Amino acid sequence: MKPLTVFSMFDGISCGRIALERAGIPVKQYFTSEIDKYASAISRCNWNTTELGDVTKVNFNELPPLDIIFCGAPCQDLSFSGKGKGLFKGDRSKLFFYFIECLRIARLKNPDVLFIVEQVKMKKEYQDTMTKLLGVEPVLINSKDFSAQSRQRLYWTNIDVLP
């Protein structure tokens, strides 16, 4: 397998990088967008990443052709236990649309770019909007199958996965 060029939006501590490593998938270049300085410090300590900072300031046109994009945009406005402002009105949830723009530009350079979007369970109308924009149905996975936490999460991806 050829090494991948990756962009991880809202990167946290680079869990996407951890998953790629555990799956034995080589990485050529790993770009991150994260505003939490402590999370970024952990990523820097563990891997050679190219930090781009705040996603609202990233020029997606300047990225090289990407093989895969990870997106775990903030969920507080979408979560049933969160602020409930919604997909279009919440300051945090609106950040998802930066992913949509990044994906649009990435597809101009690589029409086969892969993506994985992770999000909390949410109102059906928000889920349906995201599904329409992404062009794929989400898969519901409980984190307890992979970690110590029991959390229902929705994943939209254009990678073939079993339901």
N, C-alpha and C. Protein backbone atom coordinates (compact mmCIF):
# COMPACT_ATOMS: atom_id res chain seq x y z
N MET A 1 0.84 -1.19 0.00
CA MET A 1 0.00 0.00 0.00
C MET A 1 0.89 1.24 0.00
N LYS A 2 0.51 2.21 -0.83
CA LYS A 2 1.29 3.44 -0.88
C LYS A 2 1.00 4.28 0.36
N PRO A 3 1.99 5.01 0.84
CA PRO A 3 1.76 5.90 2.00
C PRO A 3 0.74 6.98 1.65
N LEU A 4 -0.12 7.30 2.61
CA LEU A 4 -1.22 8.24 2.40
C LEU A 4 -0.85 9.66 2.81
N THR A 5 -1.44 10.61 2.10
CA THR A 5 -1.41 12.01 2.51
C THR A 5 -2.75 12.28 3.17
N VAL A 6 -2.70 12.72 4.43
CA VAL A 6 -3.88 12.80 5.30
C VAL A 6 -4.08 14.22 5.79
N PHE A 7 -5.35 14.64 5.88
CA PHE A 7 -5.70 15.88 6.57
C PHE A 7 -6.71 15.52 7.64
N SER A 8 -6.38 15.82 8.89
CA SER A 8 -7.26 15.54 10.01
C SER A 8 -7.76 16.87 10.58
N MET A 9 -9.04 17.15 10.32
CA MET A 9 -9.66 18.38 10.80
C MET A 9 -10.20 18.15 12.21
N PHE A 10 -9.99 19.12 13.09
CA PHE A 10 -10.40 19.00 14.49
C PHE A 10 -9.68 17.77 15.06
N ASP A 11 -8.39 17.76 14.91
CA ASP A 11 -7.54 16.59 15.08
C ASP A 11 -7.47 16.03 16.49
N GLY A 12 -7.63 16.86 17.50
CA GLY A 12 -7.46 16.36 18.87
C GLY A 12 -6.05 15.85 19.06
N ILE A 13 -5.90 14.63 19.56
CA ILE A 13 -4.57 14.06 19.78
C ILE A 13 -4.18 13.10 18.66
N SER A 14 -4.73 13.33 17.48
CA SER A 14 -4.41 12.54 16.28
C SER A 14 -4.86 11.09 16.38
N CYS A 15 -6.09 10.89 16.81
CA CYS A 15 -6.63 9.52 16.89
C CYS A 15 -6.72 8.87 15.51
N GLY A 16 -6.92 9.67 14.46
CA GLY A 16 -6.91 9.13 13.11
C GLY A 16 -5.55 8.53 12.77
N ARG A 17 -4.52 9.18 13.23
CA ARG A 17 -3.15 8.69 13.01
C ARG A 17 -2.94 7.39 13.77
N ILE A 18 -3.46 7.34 14.97
CA ILE A 18 -3.37 6.11 15.77
C ILE A 18 -4.06 4.97 15.04
N ALA A 19 -5.26 5.21 14.50
CA ALA A 19 -6.00 4.18 13.79
C ALA A 19 -5.25 3.70 12.56
N LEU A 20 -4.68 4.63 11.81
CA LEU A 20 -3.90 4.24 10.62
C LEU A 20 -2.70 3.38 11.01
N GLU A 21 -2.03 3.78 12.08
CA GLU A 21 -0.86 3.02 12.54
C GLU A 21 -1.27 1.61 12.97
N ARG A 22 -2.36 1.51 13.73
CA ARG A 22 -2.82 0.20 14.19
C ARG A 22 -3.27 -0.69 13.04
N ALA A 23 -3.76 -0.07 11.97
CA ALA A 23 -4.20 -0.82 10.79
C ALA A 23 -3.04 -1.14 9.85
N GLY A 24 -1.84 -0.65 10.20
CA GLY A 24 -0.68 -0.90 9.35
C GLY A 24 -0.67 -0.10 8.07
N ILE A 25 -1.37 1.03 8.05
CA ILE A 25 -1.44 1.87 6.86
C ILE A 25 -0.37 2.95 6.96
N PRO A 26 0.56 2.98 6.02
CA PRO A 26 1.65 3.96 6.08
C PRO A 26 1.16 5.37 5.75
N VAL A 27 1.80 6.35 6.37
CA VAL A 27 1.44 7.76 6.17
C VAL A 27 2.64 8.50 5.58
N LYS A 28 2.40 9.18 4.49
CA LYS A 28 3.44 10.00 3.86
C LYS A 28 3.51 11.36 4.53
N GLN A 29 2.34 12.00 4.66
CA GLN A 29 2.26 13.32 5.27
C GLN A 29 0.94 13.42 6.02
N TYR A 30 0.98 14.03 7.21
CA TYR A 30 -0.20 14.13 8.06
C TYR A 30 -0.40 15.58 8.45
N PHE A 31 -1.40 16.21 7.86
CA PHE A 31 -1.74 17.60 8.15
C PHE A 31 -2.81 17.61 9.24
N THR A 32 -2.72 18.55 10.15
CA THR A 32 -3.71 18.65 11.22
C THR A 32 -4.25 20.08 11.32
N SER A 33 -5.48 20.15 11.79
CA SER A 33 -6.10 21.42 12.12
C SER A 33 -6.70 21.24 13.51
N GLU A 34 -6.13 21.95 14.47
CA GLU A 34 -6.54 21.81 15.88
C GLU A 34 -6.20 23.11 16.59
N ILE A 35 -7.11 23.60 17.45
CA ILE A 35 -6.83 24.83 18.19
C ILE A 35 -6.44 24.59 19.64
N ASP A 36 -6.62 23.37 20.12
CA ASP A 36 -6.25 23.06 21.50
C ASP A 36 -4.75 22.81 21.57
N LYS A 37 -4.05 23.70 22.26
CA LYS A 37 -2.58 23.61 22.27
C LYS A 37 -2.08 22.36 22.99
N TYR A 38 -2.82 21.85 23.95
CA TYR A 38 -2.39 20.65 24.67
C TYR A 38 -2.55 19.41 23.80
N ALA A 39 -3.68 19.33 23.07
CA ALA A 39 -3.88 18.21 22.17
C ALA A 39 -2.80 18.23 21.07
N SER A 40 -2.52 19.41 20.53
CA SER A 40 -1.49 19.53 19.50
C SER A 40 -0.13 19.12 20.02
N ALA A 41 0.16 19.44 21.26
CA ALA A 41 1.45 19.07 21.86
C ALA A 41 1.60 17.55 21.93
N ILE A 42 0.53 16.86 22.26
CA ILE A 42 0.56 15.39 22.30
C ILE A 42 0.84 14.84 20.90
N SER A 43 0.17 15.39 19.91
CA SER A 43 0.39 14.93 18.53
C SER A 43 1.84 15.16 18.10
N ARG A 44 2.36 16.35 18.38
CA ARG A 44 3.75 16.67 18.03
C ARG A 44 4.72 15.72 18.70
N CYS A 45 4.42 15.36 19.93
CA CYS A 45 5.29 14.47 20.70
C CYS A 45 5.33 13.07 20.08
N ASN A 46 4.21 12.62 19.53
CA ASN A 46 4.11 11.27 19.03
C ASN A 46 4.41 11.10 17.54
N TRP A 47 4.15 12.14 16.74
CA TRP A 47 4.29 12.02 15.28
C TRP A 47 4.82 13.30 14.67
N ASN A 48 5.29 13.16 13.46
CA ASN A 48 5.70 14.31 12.66
C ASN A 48 4.47 14.79 11.90
N THR A 49 3.83 15.83 12.40
CA THR A 49 2.63 16.36 11.77
C THR A 49 2.92 17.75 11.22
N THR A 50 2.13 18.16 10.25
CA THR A 50 2.17 19.52 9.74
C THR A 50 0.95 20.23 10.29
N GLU A 51 1.16 21.10 11.26
CA GLU A 51 0.06 21.77 11.94
C GLU A 51 -0.38 23.01 11.17
N LEU A 52 -1.68 23.07 10.90
CA LEU A 52 -2.24 24.20 10.16
C LEU A 52 -3.05 25.14 11.04
N GLY A 53 -3.29 24.76 12.29
CA GLY A 53 -4.00 25.62 13.23
C GLY A 53 -5.51 25.64 13.02
N ASP A 54 -6.08 26.80 13.26
CA ASP A 54 -7.53 27.02 13.21
C ASP A 54 -8.08 26.72 11.82
N VAL A 55 -9.04 25.81 11.74
CA VAL A 55 -9.60 25.39 10.45
C VAL A 55 -10.23 26.55 9.69
N THR A 56 -10.68 27.58 10.39
CA THR A 56 -11.31 28.71 9.71
C THR A 56 -10.29 29.58 8.98
N LYS A 57 -9.01 29.33 9.24
CA LYS A 57 -7.95 30.11 8.61
C LYS A 57 -7.13 29.30 7.60
N VAL A 58 -7.49 28.05 7.38
CA VAL A 58 -6.76 27.18 6.47
C VAL A 58 -7.19 27.46 5.03
N ASN A 59 -6.21 27.61 4.14
CA ASN A 59 -6.49 27.73 2.71
C ASN A 59 -6.41 26.33 2.11
N PHE A 60 -7.55 25.71 1.90
CA PHE A 60 -7.60 24.33 1.42
C PHE A 60 -6.98 24.17 0.03
N ASN A 61 -6.95 25.23 -0.74
CA ASN A 61 -6.34 25.19 -2.06
C ASN A 61 -4.84 24.94 -1.99
N GLU A 62 -4.22 25.29 -0.87
CA GLU A 62 -2.77 25.13 -0.72
C GLU A 62 -2.36 23.72 -0.30
N LEU A 63 -3.32 22.88 0.05
CA LEU A 63 -3.00 21.51 0.44
C LEU A 63 -2.64 20.69 -0.80
N PRO A 64 -1.75 19.72 -0.64
CA PRO A 64 -1.45 18.84 -1.77
C PRO A 64 -2.64 17.90 -2.00
N PRO A 65 -2.62 17.10 -3.06
CA PRO A 65 -3.68 16.11 -3.24
C PRO A 65 -3.75 15.20 -2.02
N LEU A 66 -4.95 15.07 -1.47
CA LEU A 66 -5.16 14.28 -0.25
C LEU A 66 -5.70 12.90 -0.60
N ASP A 67 -5.30 11.91 0.19
CA ASP A 67 -5.84 10.55 0.04
C ASP A 67 -7.02 10.32 0.96
N ILE A 68 -6.98 10.95 2.14
CA ILE A 68 -8.07 10.77 3.11
C ILE A 68 -8.17 12.01 3.99
N ILE A 69 -9.42 12.34 4.37
CA ILE A 69 -9.70 13.45 5.28
C ILE A 69 -10.51 12.90 6.44
N PHE A 70 -10.07 13.22 7.65
CA PHE A 70 -10.81 12.89 8.86
C PHE A 70 -11.50 14.15 9.37
N CYS A 71 -12.72 14.02 9.87
CA CYS A 71 -13.44 15.16 10.43
C CYS A 71 -14.23 14.73 11.65
N GLY A 72 -13.96 15.34 12.76
CA GLY A 72 -14.73 15.15 13.98
C GLY A 72 -15.09 16.51 14.54
N ALA A 73 -15.88 17.27 13.77
CA ALA A 73 -16.22 18.64 14.15
C ALA A 73 -16.90 18.68 15.52
N PRO A 74 -16.77 19.81 16.22
CA PRO A 74 -17.39 19.93 17.55
C PRO A 74 -18.87 19.58 17.53
N CYS A 75 -19.31 18.91 18.59
CA CYS A 75 -20.67 18.36 18.61
C CYS A 75 -21.63 19.06 19.56
N GLN A 76 -21.16 20.03 20.34
CA GLN A 76 -21.99 20.58 21.40
C GLN A 76 -23.33 21.13 20.91
N ASP A 77 -23.37 21.69 19.71
CA ASP A 77 -24.61 22.26 19.19
C ASP A 77 -25.55 21.21 18.62
N LEU A 78 -25.04 19.99 18.41
CA LEU A 78 -25.84 18.92 17.81
C LEU A 78 -26.28 17.88 18.83
N SER A 79 -25.53 17.74 19.89
CA SER A 79 -25.76 16.71 20.88
C SER A 79 -27.08 16.92 21.63
N PHE A 80 -27.75 15.82 21.94
CA PHE A 80 -28.98 15.89 22.74
C PHE A 80 -28.69 16.45 24.13
N SER A 81 -27.48 16.22 24.63
CA SER A 81 -27.13 16.73 25.96
C SER A 81 -26.38 18.06 25.89
N GLY A 82 -26.21 18.59 24.70
CA GLY A 82 -25.45 19.83 24.51
C GLY A 82 -26.33 21.05 24.42
N LYS A 83 -25.85 22.03 23.70
CA LYS A 83 -26.51 23.33 23.61
C LYS A 83 -27.73 23.33 22.69
N GLY A 84 -27.81 22.40 21.76
CA GLY A 84 -28.99 22.24 20.92
C GLY A 84 -29.27 23.36 19.94
N LYS A 85 -28.27 24.13 19.57
CA LYS A 85 -28.48 25.24 18.63
C LYS A 85 -28.67 24.75 17.20
N GLY A 86 -28.17 23.56 16.91
CA GLY A 86 -28.38 22.99 15.58
C GLY A 86 -27.21 23.14 14.65
N LEU A 87 -27.37 22.55 13.48
CA LEU A 87 -26.30 22.46 12.50
C LEU A 87 -25.96 23.81 11.88
N PHE A 88 -26.96 24.63 11.63
CA PHE A 88 -26.73 25.89 10.94
C PHE A 88 -26.57 27.08 11.87
N LYS A 89 -27.11 26.99 13.08
CA LYS A 89 -27.11 28.14 13.98
C LYS A 89 -25.99 28.11 15.02
N GLY A 90 -25.47 26.95 15.31
CA GLY A 90 -24.45 26.84 16.35
C GLY A 90 -23.08 27.27 15.85
N ASP A 91 -22.39 28.05 16.65
CA ASP A 91 -21.05 28.51 16.26
C ASP A 91 -20.09 27.34 16.05
N ARG A 92 -20.22 26.32 16.87
CA ARG A 92 -19.33 25.16 16.76
C ARG A 92 -19.76 24.22 15.64
N SER A 93 -21.06 23.95 15.56
CA SER A 93 -21.53 22.99 14.56
C SER A 93 -21.35 23.52 13.14
N LYS A 94 -21.36 24.82 12.95
CA LYS A 94 -21.15 25.39 11.62
C LYS A 94 -19.76 25.08 11.08
N LEU A 95 -18.84 24.70 11.96
CA LEU A 95 -17.49 24.36 11.52
C LEU A 95 -17.50 23.14 10.59
N PHE A 96 -18.53 22.30 10.68
CA PHE A 96 -18.67 21.16 9.78
C PHE A 96 -18.62 21.60 8.32
N PHE A 97 -19.13 22.77 8.01
CA PHE A 97 -19.19 23.24 6.63
C PHE A 97 -17.79 23.56 6.08
N TYR A 98 -16.81 23.75 6.95
CA TYR A 98 -15.42 23.87 6.49
C TYR A 98 -14.95 22.53 5.92
N PHE A 99 -15.42 21.45 6.52
CA PHE A 99 -15.10 20.14 5.97
C PHE A 99 -15.70 19.98 4.59
N ILE A 100 -16.94 20.39 4.42
CA ILE A 100 -17.61 20.28 3.12
C ILE A 100 -16.81 21.05 2.06
N GLU A 101 -16.34 22.24 2.40
CA GLU A 101 -15.54 23.03 1.46
C GLU A 101 -14.20 22.35 1.19
N CYS A 102 -13.56 21.83 2.22
CA CYS A 102 -12.30 21.13 2.05
C CYS A 102 -12.47 19.92 1.14
N LEU A 103 -13.53 19.16 1.34
CA LEU A 103 -13.80 17.97 0.52
C LEU A 103 -14.04 18.36 -0.93
N ARG A 104 -14.77 19.44 -1.15
CA ARG A 104 -15.03 19.91 -2.52
C ARG A 104 -13.71 20.23 -3.23
N ILE A 105 -12.84 20.95 -2.57
CA ILE A 105 -11.55 21.34 -3.17
C ILE A 105 -10.65 20.12 -3.33
N ALA A 106 -10.64 19.23 -2.33
CA ALA A 106 -9.81 18.03 -2.40
C ALA A 106 -10.21 17.16 -3.59
N ARG A 107 -11.50 17.08 -3.88
CA ARG A 107 -11.98 16.27 -5.00
C ARG A 107 -11.54 16.82 -6.35
N LEU A 108 -11.24 18.11 -6.42
CA LEU A 108 -10.72 18.68 -7.67
C LEU A 108 -9.32 18.14 -7.96
N LYS A 109 -8.57 17.87 -6.91
CA LYS A 109 -7.20 17.34 -7.06
C LYS A 109 -7.16 15.82 -7.08
N ASN A 110 -8.07 15.20 -6.34
CA ASN A 110 -8.14 13.74 -6.27
C ASN A 110 -9.61 13.34 -6.13
N PRO A 111 -10.26 13.02 -7.25
CA PRO A 111 -11.69 12.66 -7.20
C PRO A 111 -11.98 11.44 -6.31
N ASP A 112 -10.94 10.65 -6.02
CA ASP A 112 -11.12 9.45 -5.20
C ASP A 112 -10.76 9.64 -3.74
N VAL A 113 -10.65 10.90 -3.30
CA VAL A 113 -10.28 11.16 -1.91
C VAL A 113 -11.30 10.48 -0.99
N LEU A 114 -10.78 9.83 0.03
CA LEU A 114 -11.62 9.16 1.03
C LEU A 114 -11.91 10.11 2.18
N PHE A 115 -12.98 9.82 2.92
CA PHE A 115 -13.27 10.63 4.10
C PHE A 115 -13.96 9.79 5.16
N ILE A 116 -13.77 10.23 6.39
CA ILE A 116 -14.49 9.68 7.54
C ILE A 116 -14.93 10.87 8.39
N VAL A 117 -16.23 10.98 8.62
CA VAL A 117 -16.79 12.02 9.47
C VAL A 117 -17.42 11.34 10.68
N GLU A 118 -17.03 11.77 11.86
CA GLU A 118 -17.56 11.21 13.11
C GLU A 118 -18.38 12.27 13.80
N GLN A 119 -19.54 11.85 14.34
CA GLN A 119 -20.40 12.80 15.03
C GLN A 119 -21.29 12.06 16.03
N VAL A 120 -21.82 12.79 16.99
CA VAL A 120 -22.73 12.23 17.99
C VAL A 120 -24.08 11.91 17.34
N LYS A 121 -24.88 11.09 18.03
CA LYS A 121 -26.27 10.92 17.61
C LYS A 121 -26.94 12.28 17.76
N MET A 122 -27.84 12.58 16.83
CA MET A 122 -28.44 13.92 16.79
C MET A 122 -29.85 13.84 16.24
N LYS A 123 -30.51 14.99 16.21
CA LYS A 123 -31.84 15.05 15.63
C LYS A 123 -31.78 14.56 14.18
N LYS A 124 -32.85 13.90 13.78
CA LYS A 124 -32.93 13.33 12.43
C LYS A 124 -32.71 14.39 11.35
N GLU A 125 -33.22 15.60 11.55
CA GLU A 125 -33.08 16.65 10.53
C GLU A 125 -31.61 17.04 10.32
N TYR A 126 -30.82 17.08 11.40
CA TYR A 126 -29.39 17.40 11.25
C TYR A 126 -28.67 16.24 10.55
N GLN A 127 -29.00 15.03 10.98
CA GLN A 127 -28.41 13.84 10.38
C GLN A 127 -28.73 13.77 8.89
N ASP A 128 -29.96 14.05 8.53
CA ASP A 128 -30.37 14.01 7.12
C ASP A 128 -29.64 15.07 6.30
N THR A 129 -29.44 16.24 6.86
CA THR A 129 -28.71 17.30 6.15
C THR A 129 -27.27 16.87 5.89
N MET A 130 -26.63 16.32 6.90
CA MET A 130 -25.24 15.86 6.74
C MET A 130 -25.17 14.73 5.71
N THR A 131 -26.12 13.82 5.76
CA THR A 131 -26.17 12.70 4.82
C THR A 131 -26.30 13.22 3.38
N LYS A 132 -27.17 14.19 3.19
CA LYS A 132 -27.37 14.75 1.85
C LYS A 132 -26.08 15.42 1.36
N LEU A 133 -25.44 16.20 2.21
CA LEU A 133 -24.21 16.90 1.82
C LEU A 133 -23.06 15.94 1.53
N LEU A 134 -23.00 14.85 2.27
CA LEU A 134 -21.90 13.89 2.12
C LEU A 134 -22.16 12.83 1.07
N GLY A 135 -23.42 12.59 0.77
CA GLY A 135 -23.76 11.63 -0.27
C GLY A 135 -23.66 10.18 0.16
N VAL A 136 -23.56 9.94 1.45
CA VAL A 136 -23.52 8.58 1.99
C VAL A 136 -24.33 8.53 3.27
N GLU A 137 -24.87 7.35 3.57
CA GLU A 137 -25.61 7.15 4.81
C GLU A 137 -24.64 6.91 5.96
N PRO A 138 -24.97 7.35 7.16
CA PRO A 138 -24.09 7.09 8.31
C PRO A 138 -24.23 5.66 8.83
N VAL A 139 -23.21 5.24 9.53
CA VAL A 139 -23.21 3.96 10.23
C VAL A 139 -23.15 4.29 11.72
N LEU A 140 -24.01 3.67 12.52
CA LEU A 140 -24.02 3.88 13.96
C LEU A 140 -23.12 2.84 14.62
N ILE A 141 -22.14 3.31 15.37
CA ILE A 141 -21.20 2.42 16.06
C ILE A 141 -21.11 2.86 17.50
N ASN A 142 -21.11 1.91 18.41
CA ASN A 142 -20.91 2.22 19.82
C ASN A 142 -19.41 2.10 20.13
N SER A 143 -18.86 3.14 20.72
CA SER A 143 -17.43 3.17 21.04
C SER A 143 -17.02 2.03 21.97
N LYS A 144 -17.96 1.47 22.71
CA LYS A 144 -17.62 0.39 23.64
C LYS A 144 -17.05 -0.83 22.92
N ASP A 145 -17.31 -0.92 21.61
CA ASP A 145 -16.76 -2.02 20.83
C ASP A 145 -15.26 -1.87 20.61
N PHE A 146 -14.73 -0.66 20.89
CA PHE A 146 -13.32 -0.38 20.63
C PHE A 146 -12.60 0.27 21.80
N SER A 147 -13.34 0.70 22.82
CA SER A 147 -12.72 1.41 23.95
C SER A 147 -13.51 1.13 25.22
N ALA A 148 -13.12 1.77 26.29
CA ALA A 148 -13.79 1.57 27.57
C ALA A 148 -15.06 2.39 27.72
N GLN A 149 -15.33 3.29 26.78
CA GLN A 149 -16.50 4.16 26.88
C GLN A 149 -17.65 3.63 26.04
N SER A 150 -18.87 3.78 26.57
CA SER A 150 -20.06 3.42 25.82
C SER A 150 -20.67 4.71 25.28
N ARG A 151 -20.41 4.97 23.99
CA ARG A 151 -20.92 6.18 23.35
C ARG A 151 -21.37 5.84 21.93
N GLN A 152 -22.62 6.14 21.64
CA GLN A 152 -23.14 5.95 20.29
C GLN A 152 -22.61 7.06 19.39
N ARG A 153 -22.03 6.69 18.25
CA ARG A 153 -21.48 7.67 17.32
C ARG A 153 -21.92 7.33 15.89
N LEU A 154 -22.13 8.37 15.12
CA LEU A 154 -22.45 8.23 13.70
C LEU A 154 -21.17 8.45 12.90
N TYR A 155 -20.98 7.60 11.89
CA TYR A 155 -19.83 7.73 11.00
C TYR A 155 -20.32 7.74 9.56
N TRP A 156 -19.95 8.79 8.85
CA TRP A 156 -20.20 8.86 7.41
C TRP A 156 -18.86 8.62 6.74
N THR A 157 -18.83 7.73 5.78
CA THR A 157 -17.59 7.47 5.07
C THR A 157 -17.87 6.92 3.68
N ASN A 158 -16.94 7.20 2.79
CA ASN A 158 -17.02 6.62 1.44
C ASN A 158 -16.07 5.44 1.31
N ILE A 159 -15.64 4.92 2.45
CA ILE A 159 -14.83 3.70 2.51
C ILE A 159 -15.79 2.54 2.73
N ASP A 160 -15.61 1.46 1.99
CA ASP A 160 -16.48 0.30 2.18
C ASP A 160 -16.29 -0.28 3.59
N VAL A 161 -17.37 -0.27 4.36
CA VAL A 161 -17.35 -0.86 5.70
C VAL A 161 -18.58 -1.74 5.85
N LEU A 162 -18.48 -2.68 6.75
CA LEU A 162 -19.64 -3.53 7.04
C LEU A 162 -20.53 -2.81 8.04
N PRO A 163 -21.85 -2.86 7.88
CA PRO A 163 -22.77 -2.20 8.83
C PRO A 163 -22.76 -2.87 10.19
